[in-house]
Amino acid sequence: MFIKTVKIKSFWAAVTVLAIVAVAAAAVLFAFKHAQEKTAAYRMTNETQRQEFIKDLGWKVSDEYDTCRIVIIPEQFDEVYKNYNDLQKQQGFDLSEYKGRTVEIYSYPVYNYEGEQNVMMNLMICDGMLIGGDVCCTELDGFMHGLKKPKADTATTDSAVTQTTEGAPDVTTTPCADDALAEQQTEQTQTTTDDSSKAA
C-alpha cells in the first residue's frame, strides 16, 4: 500500500484546511436540521396538527374533518392520476413514491374561499405524514388547485395551478377507522331505539 504524507508548513495553510472542514461540517448540520424541520412541518398524526397546518395556510374550515376515506394509491397511474400527481409535484409532493401504499384522505369544508361556495380541502396522509392534497370546488364546473390560497391576482382558471374537478382521480374508498366506528355506533343506537319502541 502506498501512503503519501502531506506536511502543512505554514500557519495560513493550516487555517485554510480547518476553515474548509468547518464549512463542510456546517453544511451537513444545516442540511440535517432543514430535513428535520421539513419532516416536522408535514407530520400529521392527529386533528390538532392538521388544524394548525390548515390555519397556517390561511383557510377557515370546520373544527373537525367532514369525512375520512382510506384509499390505495395505484401501482400504475392512468392519465387522470398522472395529471393529479402533476398538481402534487407543483406543491412539492410526489404520489409516485407511494404507489401501492394505503393513504387516509381527510376532507374539510372551506368557509373563506372568496366568491366560491361548496369548496373542500383534502389532505392526504400516509403513516402520519402529509403526502399531498388539494382544494377543490365540488360544483359541476368546479376547479381544483394546490393547498395554498391562490393570490388575489391569480384567476382560478390558471392551468399552472389549477385543474377542473373532472381531473381528480376516481378512487374506491372505505371509511377511516374512527368513521367506521362512528357509523357502527349510530347503527347500534338506532337498533336499540327500534328495540325499545317495539317493547313499548
C-alpha atoms as a PDB file:
ATOM      1  CA  MET A   1       0.000   0.000   0.000  1.00  0.00           C
ATOM      2  CA  PHE A   2       1.293   3.445  -0.962  1.00  0.00           C
ATOM      3  CA  ILE A   3       0.807   6.186   1.650  1.00  0.00           C
ATOM      4  CA  LYS A   4       1.611   9.800   0.953  1.00  0.00           C
ATOM      5  CA  THR A   5       2.111  12.176   3.871  1.00  0.00           C
ATOM      6  CA  VAL A   6       1.499  15.867   3.374  1.00  0.00           C
ATOM      7  CA  LYS A   7       3.127  18.273   5.800  1.00  0.00           C
ATOM      8  CA  ILE A   8       1.494  21.651   6.295  1.00  0.00           C
ATOM      9  CA  LYS A   9       4.382  24.058   6.618  1.00  0.00           C
ATOM     10  CA  SER A  10       2.600  27.345   7.139  1.00  0.00           C
ATOM     11  CA  PHE A  11       0.122  28.656   9.666  1.00  0.00           C
ATOM     12  CA  TRP A  12      -2.229  30.008   6.975  1.00  0.00           C
ATOM     13  CA  ALA A  13      -2.371  26.679   5.188  1.00  0.00           C
ATOM     14  CA  ALA A  14      -3.496  25.029   8.436  1.00  0.00           C
ATOM     15  CA  VAL A  15      -6.125  27.729   8.959  1.00  0.00           C
ATOM     16  CA  THR A  16      -7.423  27.191   5.409  1.00  0.00           C
ATOM     17  CA  VAL A  17      -7.769  23.450   5.931  1.00  0.00           C
ATOM     18  CA  LEU A  18      -9.604  23.955   9.231  1.00  0.00           C
ATOM     19  CA  ALA A  19     -11.926  26.521   7.627  1.00  0.00           C
ATOM     20  CA  ILE A  20     -12.826  24.096   4.817  1.00  0.00           C
ATOM     21  CA  VAL A  21     -13.560  21.342   7.341  1.00  0.00           C
ATOM     22  CA  ALA A  22     -15.696  23.727   9.432  1.00  0.00           C
ATOM     23  CA  VAL A  23     -17.700  24.891   6.404  1.00  0.00           C
ATOM     24  CA  ALA A  24     -18.326  21.293   5.313  1.00  0.00           C
ATOM     25  CA  ALA A  25     -19.460  20.314   8.824  1.00  0.00           C
ATOM     26  CA  ALA A  26     -21.763  23.357   8.997  1.00  0.00           C
ATOM     27  CA  ALA A  27     -23.315  22.459   5.615  1.00  0.00           C
ATOM     28  CA  VAL A  28     -24.010  18.903   6.783  1.00  0.00           C
ATOM     29  CA  LEU A  29     -25.584  20.124  10.041  1.00  0.00           C
ATOM     30  CA  PHE A  30     -27.714  22.685   8.185  1.00  0.00           C
ATOM     31  CA  ALA A  31     -28.988  20.060   5.732  1.00  0.00           C
ATOM     32  CA  PHE A  32     -29.799  17.681   8.588  1.00  0.00           C
ATOM     33  CA  LYS A  33     -31.618  20.378  10.578  1.00  0.00           C
ATOM     34  CA  HIS A  34     -33.538  21.513   7.484  1.00  0.00           C
ATOM     35  CA  ALA A  35     -34.622  17.932   6.784  1.00  0.00           C
ATOM     36  CA  GLN A  36     -35.807  17.571  10.392  1.00  0.00           C
ATOM     37  CA  GLU A  37     -37.773  20.834  10.206  1.00  0.00           C
ATOM     38  CA  LYS A  38     -39.419  19.810   6.929  1.00  0.00           C
ATOM     39  CA  THR A  39     -40.382  16.434   8.379  1.00  0.00           C
ATOM     40  CA  ALA A  40     -41.807  18.054  11.498  1.00  0.00           C
ATOM     41  CA  ALA A  41     -43.747  20.606   9.420  1.00  0.00           C
ATOM     42  CA  TYR A  42     -45.598  17.925   7.500  1.00  0.00           C
ATOM     43  CA  ARG A  43     -46.125  15.431  10.322  1.00  0.00           C
ATOM     44  CA  MET A  44     -49.853  14.975  10.946  1.00  0.00           C
ATOM     45  CA  THR A  45     -50.801  12.224  13.336  1.00  0.00           C
ATOM     46  CA  ASN A  46     -53.810  13.964  14.912  1.00  0.00           C
ATOM     47  CA  GLU A  47     -56.534  16.554  14.318  1.00  0.00           C
ATOM     48  CA  THR A  48     -54.663  19.298  16.182  1.00  0.00           C
ATOM     49  CA  GLN A  49     -51.695  19.080  13.806  1.00  0.00           C
ATOM     50  CA  ARG A  50     -53.986  19.080  10.777  1.00  0.00           C
ATOM     51  CA  GLN A  51     -55.908  22.104  12.052  1.00  0.00           C
ATOM     52  CA  GLU A  52     -52.678  24.039  12.737  1.00  0.00           C
ATOM     53  CA  PHE A  53     -51.403  23.307   9.240  1.00  0.00           C
ATOM     54  CA  ILE A  54     -54.681  24.442   7.646  1.00  0.00           C
ATOM     55  CA  LYS A  55     -54.737  27.604   9.776  1.00  0.00           C
ATOM     56  CA  ASP A  56     -51.151  28.432   8.766  1.00  0.00           C
ATOM     57  CA  LEU A  57     -52.276  28.319   5.128  1.00  0.00           C
ATOM     58  CA  GLY A  58     -54.966  30.889   5.896  1.00  0.00           C
ATOM     59  CA  TRP A  59     -58.004  28.673   5.396  1.00  0.00           C
ATOM     60  CA  LYS A  60     -61.041  28.573   7.678  1.00  0.00           C
ATOM     61  CA  VAL A  61     -62.520  25.097   7.917  1.00  0.00           C
ATOM     62  CA  SER A  62     -64.692  23.056  10.252  1.00  0.00           C
ATOM     63  CA  ASP A  63     -63.278  22.179  13.677  1.00  0.00           C
ATOM     64  CA  GLU A  64     -63.153  18.529  12.640  1.00  0.00           C
ATOM     65  CA  TYR A  65     -62.863  16.798   9.300  1.00  0.00           C
ATOM     66  CA  ASP A  66     -66.086  16.168   7.416  1.00  0.00           C
ATOM     67  CA  THR A  67     -65.085  12.769   6.045  1.00  0.00           C
ATOM     68  CA  CYS A  68     -62.083  10.486   6.124  1.00  0.00           C
ATOM     69  CA  ARG A  69     -61.548   7.883   3.417  1.00  0.00           C
ATOM     70  CA  ILE A  70     -58.946   5.177   3.046  1.00  0.00           C
ATOM     71  CA  VAL A  71     -57.555   4.726  -0.463  1.00  0.00           C
ATOM     72  CA  ILE A  72     -54.750   2.716  -2.017  1.00  0.00           C
ATOM     73  CA  ILE A  73     -52.505   4.622  -4.419  1.00  0.00           C
ATOM     74  CA  PRO A  74     -52.476   2.502  -7.606  1.00  0.00           C
ATOM     75  CA  GLU A  75     -49.283   0.816  -8.781  1.00  0.00           C
ATOM     76  CA  GLN A  76     -49.906   2.131 -12.313  1.00  0.00           C
ATOM     77  CA  PHE A  77     -51.051   5.717 -12.896  1.00  0.00           C
ATOM     78  CA  ASP A  78     -53.633   6.351 -15.600  1.00  0.00           C
ATOM     79  CA  GLU A  79     -53.832   9.754 -17.327  1.00  0.00           C
ATOM     80  CA  VAL A  80     -56.077  11.202 -14.621  1.00  0.00           C
ATOM     81  CA  TYR A  81     -53.727  10.123 -11.831  1.00  0.00           C
ATOM     82  CA  LYS A  82     -50.724  11.466 -13.767  1.00  0.00           C
ATOM     83  CA  ASN A  83     -52.439  14.846 -14.099  1.00  0.00           C
ATOM     84  CA  TYR A  84     -53.353  14.838 -10.415  1.00  0.00           C
ATOM     85  CA  ASN A  85     -49.782  13.952  -9.491  1.00  0.00           C
ATOM     86  CA  ASP A  86     -48.535  16.841 -11.658  1.00  0.00           C
ATOM     87  CA  LEU A  87     -50.600  19.093  -9.403  1.00  0.00           C
ATOM     88  CA  GLN A  88     -48.968  17.479  -6.358  1.00  0.00           C
ATOM     89  CA  LYS A  89     -45.480  17.962  -7.812  1.00  0.00           C
ATOM     90  CA  GLN A  90     -46.187  21.685  -8.250  1.00  0.00           C
ATOM     91  CA  GLN A  91     -46.505  21.948  -4.464  1.00  0.00           C
ATOM     92  CA  GLY A  92     -43.536  19.737  -3.587  1.00  0.00           C
ATOM     93  CA  PHE A  93     -45.186  16.322  -3.264  1.00  0.00           C
ATOM     94  CA  ASP A  94     -44.952  13.218  -5.451  1.00  0.00           C
ATOM     95  CA  LEU A  95     -47.513  10.428  -5.158  1.00  0.00           C
ATOM     96  CA  SER A  96     -45.421   8.103  -7.312  1.00  0.00           C
ATOM     97  CA  GLU A  97     -43.303   7.495  -4.207  1.00  0.00           C
ATOM     98  CA  TYR A  98     -46.380   5.990  -2.537  1.00  0.00           C
ATOM     99  CA  LYS A  99     -47.622   3.582  -5.213  1.00  0.00           C
ATOM    100  CA  GLY A 100     -49.365   0.629  -3.600  1.00  0.00           C
ATOM    101  CA  ARG A 101     -49.492   2.365  -0.212  1.00  0.00           C
ATOM    102  CA  THR A 102     -52.612   2.928   1.899  1.00  0.00           C
ATOM    103  CA  VAL A 103     -53.481   6.591   2.376  1.00  0.00           C
ATOM    104  CA  GLU A 104     -56.036   8.436   4.512  1.00  0.00           C
ATOM    105  CA  ILE A 105     -57.771  11.413   2.888  1.00  0.00           C
ATOM    106  CA  TYR A 106     -59.218  13.923   5.352  1.00  0.00           C
ATOM    107  CA  SER A 107     -61.760  16.326   3.821  1.00  0.00           C
ATOM    108  CA  TYR A 108     -62.813  19.684   5.273  1.00  0.00           C
ATOM    109  CA  PRO A 109     -65.384  22.221   4.058  1.00  0.00           C
ATOM    110  CA  VAL A 110     -63.684  25.567   3.400  1.00  0.00           C
ATOM    111  CA  TYR A 111     -65.585  28.644   4.622  1.00  0.00           C
ATOM    112  CA  ASN A 112     -63.416  31.529   3.434  1.00  0.00           C
ATOM    113  CA  TYR A 113     -62.867  30.899  -0.270  1.00  0.00           C
ATOM    114  CA  GLU A 114     -63.688  34.296  -1.744  1.00  0.00           C
ATOM    115  CA  GLY A 115     -66.505  34.234  -4.279  1.00  0.00           C
ATOM    116  CA  GLU A 116     -66.974  30.455  -4.139  1.00  0.00           C
ATOM    117  CA  GLN A 117     -69.197  28.013  -2.300  1.00  0.00           C
ATOM    118  CA  ASN A 118     -69.041  24.229  -1.845  1.00  0.00           C
ATOM    119  CA  VAL A 119     -65.247  24.233  -1.578  1.00  0.00           C
ATOM    120  CA  MET A 120     -63.428  21.353   0.105  1.00  0.00           C
ATOM    121  CA  MET A 121     -59.844  20.842   1.246  1.00  0.00           C
ATOM    122  CA  ASN A 122     -58.406  17.317   1.056  1.00  0.00           C
ATOM    123  CA  LEU A 123     -55.298  16.255   2.988  1.00  0.00           C
ATOM    124  CA  MET A 124     -53.584  13.013   2.013  1.00  0.00           C
ATOM    125  CA  ILE A 125     -51.835  11.339   4.955  1.00  0.00           C
ATOM    126  CA  CYS A 126     -49.642   8.253   4.851  1.00  0.00           C
ATOM    127  CA  ASP A 127     -48.113   6.879   8.067  1.00  0.00           C
ATOM    128  CA  GLY A 128     -48.770  10.188   9.823  1.00  0.00           C
ATOM    129  CA  MET A 129     -47.098  12.287   7.109  1.00  0.00           C
ATOM    130  CA  LEU A 130     -48.732  14.744   4.709  1.00  0.00           C
ATOM    131  CA  ILE A 131     -48.002  13.491   1.195  1.00  0.00           C
ATOM    132  CA  GLY A 132     -50.372  15.623  -0.892  1.00  0.00           C
ATOM    133  CA  GLY A 133     -53.707  17.328  -1.095  1.00  0.00           C
ATOM    134  CA  ASP A 134     -55.879  19.814  -2.915  1.00  0.00           C
ATOM    135  CA  VAL A 135     -58.544  22.464  -2.598  1.00  0.00           C
ATOM    136  CA  CYS A 136     -61.490  21.931  -4.916  1.00  0.00           C
ATOM    137  CA  CYS A 137     -64.963  23.192  -5.719  1.00  0.00           C
ATOM    138  CA  THR A 138     -67.500  20.382  -5.822  1.00  0.00           C
ATOM    139  CA  GLU A 139     -69.803  22.181  -8.272  1.00  0.00           C
ATOM    140  CA  LEU A 140     -70.351  20.630 -11.716  1.00  0.00           C
ATOM    141  CA  ASP A 141     -67.960  23.117 -13.366  1.00  0.00           C
ATOM    142  CA  GLY A 142     -65.696  23.245 -10.326  1.00  0.00           C
ATOM    143  CA  PHE A 143     -61.942  23.719 -10.034  1.00  0.00           C
ATOM    144  CA  MET A 144     -59.025  22.179  -8.200  1.00  0.00           C
ATOM    145  CA  HIS A 145     -55.660  23.568  -7.137  1.00  0.00           C
ATOM    146  CA  GLY A 146     -52.949  23.032  -4.539  1.00  0.00           C
ATOM    147  CA  LEU A 147     -53.303  23.542  -0.811  1.00  0.00           C
ATOM    148  CA  LYS A 148     -52.079  27.149  -0.705  1.00  0.00           C
ATOM    149  CA  LYS A 149     -54.521  30.023  -1.095  1.00  0.00           C
ATOM    150  CA  PRO A 150     -54.349  31.477  -4.608  1.00  0.00           C
ATOM    151  CA  LYS A 151     -53.045  35.023  -4.890  1.00  0.00           C
ATOM    152  CA  ALA A 152     -55.645  37.720  -5.409  1.00  0.00           C
ATOM    153  CA  ASP A 153     -54.380  38.405  -8.942  1.00  0.00           C
ATOM    154  CA  THR A 154     -54.388  34.707  -9.941  1.00  0.00           C
ATOM    155  CA  ALA A 155     -57.515  33.515 -11.721  1.00  0.00           C
ATOM    156  CA  THR A 156     -58.806  30.080 -10.798  1.00  0.00           C
ATOM    157  CA  THR A 157     -58.574  29.117 -14.458  1.00  0.00           C
ATOM    158  CA  ASP A 158     -54.775  29.417 -14.497  1.00  0.00           C
ATOM    159  CA  SER A 159     -53.697  25.996 -15.764  1.00  0.00           C
ATOM    160  CA  ALA A 160     -50.350  26.286 -13.998  1.00  0.00           C
ATOM    161  CA  VAL A 161     -52.022  25.927 -10.622  1.00  0.00           C
ATOM    162  CA  THR A 162     -55.494  24.539 -11.282  1.00  0.00           C
ATOM    163  CA  GLN A 163     -57.398  21.686 -12.840  1.00  0.00           C
ATOM    164  CA  THR A 164     -61.079  21.029 -13.236  1.00  0.00           C
ATOM    165  CA  THR A 165     -62.586  18.666 -10.697  1.00  0.00           C
ATOM    166  CA  GLU A 166     -63.035  16.243 -13.591  1.00  0.00           C
ATOM    167  CA  GLY A 167     -59.251  15.793 -13.372  1.00  0.00           C
ATOM    168  CA  ALA A 168     -59.481  14.311  -9.878  1.00  0.00           C
ATOM    169  CA  PRO A 169     -58.765  10.589  -9.614  1.00  0.00           C
ATOM    170  CA  ASP A 170     -61.768   8.327  -9.194  1.00  0.00           C
ATOM    171  CA  VAL A 171     -60.848   6.014  -6.321  1.00  0.00           C
ATOM    172  CA  THR A 172     -62.586   3.233  -4.453  1.00  0.00           C
ATOM    173  CA  THR A 173     -62.616   4.220  -0.807  1.00  0.00           C
ATOM    174  CA  THR A 174     -63.525   2.870   2.586  1.00  0.00           C
ATOM    175  CA  PRO A 175     -64.175   4.966   5.718  1.00  0.00           C
ATOM    176  CA  CYS A 176     -61.328   5.571   8.159  1.00  0.00           C
ATOM    177  CA  ALA A 177     -61.385   3.522  11.340  1.00  0.00           C
ATOM    178  CA  ASP A 178     -62.968   6.215  13.515  1.00  0.00           C
ATOM    179  CA  ASP A 179     -65.623   6.993  10.865  1.00  0.00           C
ATOM    180  CA  ALA A 180     -66.468   3.303  10.584  1.00  0.00           C
ATOM    181  CA  LEU A 181     -66.711   3.094  14.374  1.00  0.00           C
ATOM    182  CA  ALA A 182     -68.991   6.153  14.462  1.00  0.00           C
ATOM    183  CA  GLU A 183     -71.252   4.565  11.828  1.00  0.00           C
ATOM    184  CA  GLN A 184     -71.317   1.308  13.793  1.00  0.00           C
ATOM    185  CA  GLN A 185     -72.243   3.178  16.998  1.00  0.00           C
ATOM    186  CA  THR A 186     -75.003   5.044  15.143  1.00  0.00           C
ATOM    187  CA  GLU A 187     -76.381   1.751  13.824  1.00  0.00           C
ATOM    188  CA  GLN A 188     -76.279   0.234  17.326  1.00  0.00           C
ATOM    189  CA  THR A 189     -78.084   3.284  18.732  1.00  0.00           C
ATOM    190  CA  GLN A 190     -80.754   3.030  16.051  1.00  0.00           C
ATOM    191  CA  THR A 191     -81.157  -0.701  16.712  1.00  0.00           C
ATOM    192  CA  THR A 192     -81.503  -0.084  20.452  1.00  0.00           C
ATOM    193  CA  THR A 193     -84.074   2.659  19.802  1.00  0.00           C
ATOM    194  CA  ASP A 194     -86.035   0.393  17.462  1.00  0.00           C
ATOM    195  CA  ASP A 195     -85.996  -2.427  20.035  1.00  0.00           C
ATOM    196  CA  SER A 196     -87.188  -0.035  22.751  1.00  0.00           C
ATOM    197  CA  SER A 197     -90.021   1.174  20.516  1.00  0.00           C
ATOM    198  CA  LYS A 198     -91.136  -2.401  19.860  1.00  0.00           C
ATOM    199  CA  ALA A 199     -91.026  -3.248  23.551  1.00  0.00           C
ATOM    200  CA  ALA A 200     -93.190  -0.232  24.358  1.00  0.00           C
END
